[in-house]
C-alpha atoms as a PDB file:
ATOM      1  CA  MET A   1      -5.749 -66.419 -62.674  1.00  0.00           C
ATOM      2  CA  ASN A   2      -7.559 -67.865 -59.960  1.00  0.00           C
ATOM      3  CA  THR A   3      -4.332 -69.708 -58.724  1.00  0.00           C
ATOM      4  CA  LEU A   4      -2.063 -66.716 -58.728  1.00  0.00           C
ATOM      5  CA  LEU A   5      -4.374 -64.951 -56.133  1.00  0.00           C
ATOM      6  CA  GLN A   6      -4.605 -67.927 -53.940  1.00  0.00           C
ATOM      7  CA  ASN A   7      -0.776 -67.992 -53.856  1.00  0.00           C
ATOM      8  CA  VAL A   8      -0.605 -64.373 -53.441  1.00  0.00           C
ATOM      9  CA  LYS A   9      -2.918 -64.628 -50.476  1.00  0.00           C
ATOM     10  CA  THR A  10      -1.071 -67.650 -49.033  1.00  0.00           C
ATOM     11  CA  GLU A  11       2.381 -65.740 -49.338  1.00  0.00           C
ATOM     12  CA  TYR A  12       0.590 -62.485 -47.672  1.00  0.00           C
ATOM     13  CA  LYS A  13      -0.111 -64.416 -44.631  1.00  0.00           C
ATOM     14  CA  LYS A  14       3.395 -65.214 -44.129  1.00  0.00           C
ATOM     15  CA  VAL A  15       4.616 -61.697 -43.959  1.00  0.00           C
ATOM     16  CA  VAL A  16       6.062 -60.433 -40.762  1.00  0.00           C
ATOM     17  CA  TRP A  17       5.003 -56.940 -40.149  1.00  0.00           C
ATOM     18  CA  PRO A  18       7.166 -54.630 -38.007  1.00  0.00           C
ATOM     19  CA  SER A  19       5.695 -53.370 -34.644  1.00  0.00           C
ATOM     20  CA  LYS A  20       5.195 -49.779 -34.510  1.00  0.00           C
ATOM     21  CA  ASP A  21       8.222 -49.172 -32.043  1.00  0.00           C
ATOM     22  CA  GLU A  22      10.293 -51.263 -34.680  1.00  0.00           C
ATOM     23  CA  THR A  23       8.960 -48.855 -37.634  1.00  0.00           C
ATOM     24  CA  VAL A  24       9.624 -45.409 -35.528  1.00  0.00           C
ATOM     25  CA  LYS A  25      13.087 -46.564 -34.690  1.00  0.00           C
ATOM     26  CA  SER A  26      14.135 -47.570 -37.974  1.00  0.00           C
ATOM     27  CA  THR A  27      12.800 -44.393 -39.381  1.00  0.00           C
ATOM     28  CA  LEU A  28      14.626 -42.090 -37.144  1.00  0.00           C
ATOM     29  CA  LEU A  29      17.748 -44.195 -37.543  1.00  0.00           C
ATOM     30  CA  VAL A  30      17.213 -43.903 -41.497  1.00  0.00           C
ATOM     31  CA  ALA A  31      16.787 -39.752 -40.910  1.00  0.00           C
ATOM     32  CA  ALA A  32      19.692 -39.804 -38.778  1.00  0.00           C
ATOM     33  CA  MET A  33      22.086 -41.573 -41.087  1.00  0.00           C
ATOM     34  CA  SER A  34      20.741 -39.349 -43.767  1.00  0.00           C
ATOM     35  CA  VAL A  35      21.922 -36.085 -42.105  1.00  0.00           C
ATOM     36  CA  ALA A  36      25.063 -37.775 -41.190  1.00  0.00           C
ATOM     37  CA  VAL A  37      25.825 -38.654 -44.823  1.00  0.00           C
ATOM     38  CA  SER A  38      24.669 -35.194 -45.812  1.00  0.00           C
ATOM     39  CA  ILE A  39      27.067 -33.672 -43.490  1.00  0.00           C
ATOM     40  CA  TYR A  40      29.787 -35.664 -44.601  1.00  0.00           C
ATOM     41  CA  VAL A  41      29.234 -35.066 -48.120  1.00  0.00           C
ATOM     42  CA  SER A  42      29.018 -31.382 -47.745  1.00  0.00           C
ATOM     43  CA  ALA A  43      32.125 -31.018 -45.691  1.00  0.00           C
ATOM     44  CA  PHE A  44      34.065 -33.068 -48.128  1.00  0.00           C
ATOM     45  CA  ASP A  45      32.711 -30.900 -50.917  1.00  0.00           C
ATOM     46  CA  VAL A  46      33.945 -27.556 -49.187  1.00  0.00           C
ATOM     47  CA  ILE A  47      37.373 -28.934 -48.415  1.00  0.00           C
ATOM     48  CA  ALA A  48      38.010 -30.396 -52.039  1.00  0.00           C
ATOM     49  CA  SER A  49      36.766 -27.007 -53.316  1.00  0.00           C
ATOM     50  CA  LYS A  50      39.371 -25.035 -51.362  1.00  0.00           C
ATOM     51  CA  ILE A  51      41.988 -27.692 -52.074  1.00  0.00           C
ATOM     52  CA  LEU A  52      41.329 -27.139 -56.052  1.00  0.00           C
ATOM     53  CA  LYS A  53      40.908 -23.180 -55.577  1.00  0.00           C
ATOM     54  CA  MET A  54      44.358 -23.521 -53.984  1.00  0.00           C
ATOM     55  CA  MET A  55      46.039 -25.599 -56.619  1.00  0.00           C
ATOM     56  CA  GLY A  56      44.335 -23.343 -59.170  1.00  0.00           C
ATOM     57  CA  THR A  57      46.222 -20.227 -57.337  1.00  0.00           C
ATOM     58  CA  PHE A  58      49.497 -22.231 -57.088  1.00  0.00           C
ATOM     59  CA  PHE A  59      49.834 -23.145 -60.490  1.00  0.00           C
ATOM     60  CA  GLY A  60      48.748 -19.935 -62.030  1.00  0.00           C
ATOM     61  CA  GLY A  61      45.136 -20.698 -62.929  1.00  0.00           C
END
């Protein structure tokens, strides 16, 4: 158990943590991409729904 904790401590010292600026930029990028993907999926859903509704009307559904 002691060896495990020593190994964890050694590996923890090797970790390179991002700066505050990098963290903020990454967070903003993730938020922007989430919004962009949400808009894309919503637009696809609306278009697909309209197409399916038109097909149902056309084929007598």
